[in-house]
Amino acid sequence: MTTERLQKVLAHWGVASRRHAEILIRSGQVFVNGQRAQLGDKVDPRRDRIEYRGQS
């Protein structure tokens, strides 16, 4: 299983820069597997469901 920091995945997907992704995570706009994400969370983009503004 390959995990990466959540903000890196969001930046790679073009959602936001890494720094802006940190702000989105802190403000509660990002969810991983139905739970509010925390700064520093690591995810497997192939297995985890990542949602931002209700879209995955």
PDB file of N, CA and C in Angstrom:
ATOM      1  N   MET A   1       0.849  -1.175   0.000  1.00  0.00           N
ATOM      2  CA  MET A   1       0.000   0.000   0.000  1.00  0.00           C
ATOM      3  C   MET A   1       0.898   1.243   0.000  1.00  0.00           C
ATOM      4  N   THR A   2       0.638   2.133  -0.921  1.00  0.00           N
ATOM      5  CA  THR A   2       1.396   3.377  -1.013  1.00  0.00           C
ATOM      6  C   THR A   2       0.554   4.512  -0.457  1.00  0.00           C
ATOM      7  N   THR A   3       1.065   5.153   0.584  1.00  0.00           N
ATOM      8  CA  THR A   3       0.332   6.278   1.149  1.00  0.00           C
ATOM      9  C   THR A   3       1.110   7.564   0.905  1.00  0.00           C
ATOM     10  N   GLU A   4       0.351   8.634   0.772  1.00  0.00           N
ATOM     11  CA  GLU A   4       0.925   9.959   0.570  1.00  0.00           C
ATOM     12  C   GLU A   4       0.163  10.936   1.454  1.00  0.00           C
ATOM     13  N   ARG A   5       0.779  12.056   1.743  1.00  0.00           N
ATOM     14  CA  ARG A   5       0.076  13.088   2.508  1.00  0.00           C
ATOM     15  C   ARG A   5      -1.097  13.598   1.683  1.00  0.00           C
ATOM     16  N   LEU A   6      -2.185  13.839   2.382  1.00  0.00           N
ATOM     17  CA  LEU A   6      -3.423  14.255   1.735  1.00  0.00           C
ATOM     18  C   LEU A   6      -3.242  15.521   0.919  1.00  0.00           C
ATOM     19  N   GLN A   7      -2.521  16.517   1.455  1.00  0.00           N
ATOM     20  CA  GLN A   7      -2.365  17.766   0.711  1.00  0.00           C
ATOM     21  C   GLN A   7      -1.584  17.561  -0.592  1.00  0.00           C
ATOM     22  N   LYS A   8      -0.680  16.599  -0.621  1.00  0.00           N
ATOM     23  CA  LYS A   8       0.067  16.302  -1.845  1.00  0.00           C
ATOM     24  C   LYS A   8      -0.863  15.699  -2.900  1.00  0.00           C
ATOM     25  N   VAL A   9      -1.753  14.814  -2.463  1.00  0.00           N
ATOM     26  CA  VAL A   9      -2.717  14.203  -3.390  1.00  0.00           C
ATOM     27  C   VAL A   9      -3.641  15.275  -3.966  1.00  0.00           C
ATOM     28  N   LEU A  10      -4.154  16.154  -3.116  1.00  0.00           N
ATOM     29  CA  LEU A  10      -5.041  17.222  -3.600  1.00  0.00           C
ATOM     30  C   LEU A  10      -4.314  18.126  -4.598  1.00  0.00           C
ATOM     31  N   ALA A  11      -3.064  18.427  -4.334  1.00  0.00           N
ATOM     32  CA  ALA A  11      -2.286  19.265  -5.252  1.00  0.00           C
ATOM     33  C   ALA A  11      -2.068  18.535  -6.577  1.00  0.00           C
ATOM     34  N   HIS A  12      -1.781  17.263  -6.510  1.00  0.00           N
ATOM     35  CA  HIS A  12      -1.564  16.472  -7.724  1.00  0.00           C
ATOM     36  C   HIS A  12      -2.833  16.418  -8.579  1.00  0.00           C
ATOM     37  N   TRP A  13      -3.988  16.375  -7.941  1.00  0.00           N
ATOM     38  CA  TRP A  13      -5.266  16.345  -8.649  1.00  0.00           C
ATOM     39  C   TRP A  13      -5.671  17.712  -9.176  1.00  0.00           C
ATOM     40  N   GLY A  14      -4.936  18.758  -8.817  1.00  0.00           N
ATOM     41  CA  GLY A  14      -5.247  20.091  -9.312  1.00  0.00           C
ATOM     42  C   GLY A  14      -6.313  20.815  -8.501  1.00  0.00           C
ATOM     43  N   VAL A  15      -6.636  20.307  -7.331  1.00  0.00           N
ATOM     44  CA  VAL A  15      -7.644  20.950  -6.481  1.00  0.00           C
ATOM     45  C   VAL A  15      -7.099  22.262  -5.937  1.00  0.00           C
ATOM     46  N   ALA A  16      -5.849  22.234  -5.472  1.00  0.00           N
ATOM     47  CA  ALA A  16      -5.229  23.418  -4.869  1.00  0.00           C
ATOM     48  C   ALA A  16      -3.728  23.164  -4.736  1.00  0.00           C
ATOM     49  N   SER A  17      -2.981  24.222  -4.482  1.00  0.00           N
ATOM     50  CA  SER A  17      -1.564  24.037  -4.172  1.00  0.00           C
ATOM     51  C   SER A  17      -1.472  23.311  -2.829  1.00  0.00           C
ATOM     52  N   ARG A  18      -0.312  22.800  -2.500  1.00  0.00           N
ATOM     53  CA  ARG A  18      -0.164  22.102  -1.216  1.00  0.00           C
ATOM     54  C   ARG A  18      -0.508  23.009  -0.047  1.00  0.00           C
ATOM     55  N   ARG A  19      -0.037  24.243  -0.095  1.00  0.00           N
ATOM     56  CA  ARG A  19      -0.311  25.179   1.002  1.00  0.00           C
ATOM     57  C   ARG A  19      -1.804  25.498   1.109  1.00  0.00           C
ATOM     58  N   HIS A  20      -2.443  25.708  -0.034  1.00  0.00           N
ATOM     59  CA  HIS A  20      -3.884  25.995  -0.006  1.00  0.00           C
ATOM     60  C   HIS A  20      -4.661  24.750   0.437  1.00  0.00           C
ATOM     61  N   ALA A  21      -4.193  23.570   0.049  1.00  0.00           N
ATOM     62  CA  ALA A  21      -4.841  22.329   0.474  1.00  0.00           C
ATOM     63  C   ALA A  21      -4.802  22.206   1.993  1.00  0.00           C
ATOM     64  N   GLU A  22      -3.711  22.644   2.615  1.00  0.00           N
ATOM     65  CA  GLU A  22      -3.621  22.619   4.080  1.00  0.00           C
ATOM     66  C   GLU A  22      -4.720  23.486   4.691  1.00  0.00           C
ATOM     67  N   ILE A  23      -4.983  24.640   4.090  1.00  0.00           N
ATOM     68  CA  ILE A  23      -6.041  25.529   4.578  1.00  0.00           C
ATOM     69  C   ILE A  23      -7.409  24.852   4.431  1.00  0.00           C
ATOM     70  N   LEU A  24      -7.630  24.195   3.292  1.00  0.00           N
ATOM     71  CA  LEU A  24      -8.906  23.512   3.063  1.00  0.00           C
ATOM     72  C   LEU A  24      -9.110  22.394   4.083  1.00  0.00           C
ATOM     73  N   ILE A  25      -8.043  21.665   4.376  1.00  0.00           N
ATOM     74  CA  ILE A  25      -8.129  20.569   5.348  1.00  0.00           C
ATOM     75  C   ILE A  25      -8.434  21.122   6.732  1.00  0.00           C
ATOM     76  N   ARG A  26      -7.708  22.152   7.133  1.00  0.00           N
ATOM     77  CA  ARG A  26      -7.922  22.753   8.463  1.00  0.00           C
ATOM     78  C   ARG A  26      -9.333  23.312   8.616  1.00  0.00           C
ATOM     79  N   SER A  27      -9.896  23.829   7.519  1.00  0.00           N
ATOM     80  CA  SER A  27     -11.225  24.445   7.603  1.00  0.00           C
ATOM     81  C   SER A  27     -12.364  23.417   7.533  1.00  0.00           C
ATOM     82  N   GLY A  28     -12.024  22.139   7.430  1.00  0.00           N
ATOM     83  CA  GLY A  28     -13.046  21.094   7.461  1.00  0.00           C
ATOM     84  C   GLY A  28     -13.745  20.839   6.148  1.00  0.00           C
ATOM     85  N   GLN A  29     -13.148  21.240   5.043  1.00  0.00           N
ATOM     86  CA  GLN A  29     -13.778  21.064   3.741  1.00  0.00           C
ATOM     87  C   GLN A  29     -13.387  19.769   3.045  1.00  0.00           C
ATOM     88  N   VAL A  30     -12.484  19.012   3.646  1.00  0.00           N
ATOM     89  CA  VAL A  30     -11.995  17.774   3.028  1.00  0.00           C
ATOM     90  C   VAL A  30     -12.326  16.599   3.948  1.00  0.00           C
ATOM     91  N   PHE A  31     -12.853  15.527   3.347  1.00  0.00           N
ATOM     92  CA  PHE A  31     -13.206  14.318   4.080  1.00  0.00           C
ATOM     93  C   PHE A  31     -12.507  13.113   3.459  1.00  0.00           C
ATOM     94  N   VAL A  32     -12.119  12.183   4.308  1.00  0.00           N
ATOM     95  CA  VAL A  32     -11.510  10.935   3.852  1.00  0.00           C
ATOM     96  C   VAL A  32     -12.340   9.797   4.431  1.00  0.00           C
ATOM     97  N   ASN A  33     -12.877   8.977   3.544  1.00  0.00           N
ATOM     98  CA  ASN A  33     -13.720   7.849   3.946  1.00  0.00           C
ATOM     99  C   ASN A  33     -14.851   8.290   4.878  1.00  0.00           C
ATOM    100  N   GLY A  34     -15.436   9.433   4.560  1.00  0.00           N
ATOM    101  CA  GLY A  34     -16.591   9.923   5.304  1.00  0.00           C
ATOM    102  C   GLY A  34     -16.279  10.665   6.588  1.00  0.00           C
ATOM    103  N   GLN A  35     -15.000  10.779   6.941  1.00  0.00           N
ATOM    104  CA  GLN A  35     -14.632  11.486   8.164  1.00  0.00           C
ATOM    105  C   GLN A  35     -13.828  12.726   7.821  1.00  0.00           C
ATOM    106  N   ARG A  36     -14.029  13.751   8.638  1.00  0.00           N
ATOM    107  CA  ARG A  36     -13.308  15.008   8.421  1.00  0.00           C
ATOM    108  C   ARG A  36     -11.800  14.747   8.466  1.00  0.00           C
ATOM    109  N   ALA A  37     -11.097  15.242   7.470  1.00  0.00           N
ATOM    110  CA  ALA A  37      -9.655  15.039   7.385  1.00  0.00           C
ATOM    111  C   ALA A  37      -8.921  15.920   8.384  1.00  0.00           C
ATOM    112  N   GLN A  38      -7.751  15.478   8.780  1.00  0.00           N
ATOM    113  CA  GLN A  38      -6.871  16.230   9.665  1.00  0.00           C
ATOM    114  C   GLN A  38      -5.576  16.510   8.924  1.00  0.00           C
ATOM    115  N   LEU A  39      -4.970  17.626   9.220  1.00  0.00           N
ATOM    116  CA  LEU A  39      -3.689  17.958   8.614  1.00  0.00           C
ATOM    117  C   LEU A  39      -2.673  16.872   8.989  1.00  0.00           C
ATOM    118  N   GLY A  40      -1.960  16.388   8.006  1.00  0.00           N
ATOM    119  CA  GLY A  40      -0.973  15.328   8.242  1.00  0.00           C
ATOM    120  C   GLY A  40      -1.501  13.934   7.941  1.00  0.00           C
ATOM    121  N   ASP A  41      -2.800  13.819   7.624  1.00  0.00           N
ATOM    122  CA  ASP A  41      -3.348  12.509   7.277  1.00  0.00           C
ATOM    123  C   ASP A  41      -2.641  11.962   6.049  1.00  0.00           C
ATOM    124  N   LYS A  42      -2.413  10.666   6.071  1.00  0.00           N
ATOM    125  CA  LYS A  42      -1.865   9.989   4.897  1.00  0.00           C
ATOM    126  C   LYS A  42      -2.975   9.143   4.296  1.00  0.00           C
ATOM    127  N   VAL A  43      -3.015   9.128   2.978  1.00  0.00           N
ATOM    128  CA  VAL A  43      -4.069   8.404   2.274  1.00  0.00           C
ATOM    129  C   VAL A  43      -3.475   7.570   1.153  1.00  0.00           C
ATOM    130  N   ASP A  44      -4.221   6.557   0.760  1.00  0.00           N
ATOM    131  CA  ASP A  44      -3.909   5.789  -0.440  1.00  0.00           C
ATOM    132  C   ASP A  44      -4.952   6.211  -1.468  1.00  0.00           C
ATOM    133  N   PRO A  45      -4.559   7.034  -2.447  1.00  0.00           N
ATOM    134  CA  PRO A  45      -5.553   7.572  -3.384  1.00  0.00           C
ATOM    135  C   PRO A  45      -6.297   6.505  -4.183  1.00  0.00           C
ATOM    136  N   ARG A  46      -5.751   5.300  -4.254  1.00  0.00           N
ATOM    137  CA  ARG A  46      -6.433   4.226  -4.983  1.00  0.00           C
ATOM    138  C   ARG A  46      -7.488   3.535  -4.128  1.00  0.00           C
ATOM    139  N   ARG A  47      -7.352   3.620  -2.803  1.00  0.00           N
ATOM    140  CA  ARG A  47      -8.271   2.910  -1.918  1.00  0.00           C
ATOM    141  C   ARG A  47      -9.184   3.828  -1.117  1.00  0.00           C
ATOM    142  N   ASP A  48      -8.682   4.971  -0.716  1.00  0.00           N
ATOM    143  CA  ASP A  48      -9.460   5.873   0.141  1.00  0.00           C
ATOM    144  C   ASP A  48     -10.366   6.766  -0.690  1.00  0.00           C
ATOM    145  N   ARG A  49     -11.535   7.061  -0.120  1.00  0.00           N
ATOM    146  CA  ARG A  49     -12.467   7.979  -0.774  1.00  0.00           C
ATOM    147  C   ARG A  49     -12.201   9.377  -0.225  1.00  0.00           C
ATOM    148  N   ILE A  50     -11.727  10.244  -1.102  1.00  0.00           N
ATOM    149  CA  ILE A  50     -11.364  11.609  -0.718  1.00  0.00           C
ATOM    150  C   ILE A  50     -12.409  12.538  -1.299  1.00  0.00           C
ATOM    151  N   GLU A  51     -13.030  13.356  -0.434  1.00  0.00           N
ATOM    152  CA  GLU A  51     -14.073  14.271  -0.887  1.00  0.00           C
ATOM    153  C   GLU A  51     -13.711  15.705  -0.558  1.00  0.00           C
ATOM    154  N   TYR A  52     -13.992  16.576  -1.511  1.00  0.00           N
ATOM    155  CA  TYR A  52     -13.819  18.011  -1.324  1.00  0.00           C
ATOM    156  C   TYR A  52     -15.026  18.690  -1.916  1.00  0.00           C
ATOM    157  N   ARG A  53     -15.723  19.461  -1.104  1.00  0.00           N
ATOM    158  CA  ARG A  53     -16.959  20.120  -1.528  1.00  0.00           C
ATOM    159  C   ARG A  53     -17.997  19.132  -2.058  1.00  0.00           C
ATOM    160  N   GLY A  54     -18.076  17.993  -1.420  1.00  0.00           N
ATOM    161  CA  GLY A  54     -19.083  17.001  -1.794  1.00  0.00           C
ATOM    162  C   GLY A  54     -18.747  16.185  -3.018  1.00  0.00           C
ATOM    163  N   GLN A  55     -17.605  16.406  -3.615  1.00  0.00           N
ATOM    164  CA  GLN A  55     -17.206  15.633  -4.799  1.00  0.00           C
ATOM    165  C   GLN A  55     -16.009  14.774  -4.459  1.00  0.00           C
ATOM    166  N   SER A  56     -15.981  13.587  -5.049  1.00  0.00           N
ATOM    167  CA  SER A  56     -14.834  12.714  -4.800  1.00  0.00           C
ATOM    168  C   SER A  56     -14.019  12.530  -6.057  1.00  0.00           C
TER     169      SER A  56
END
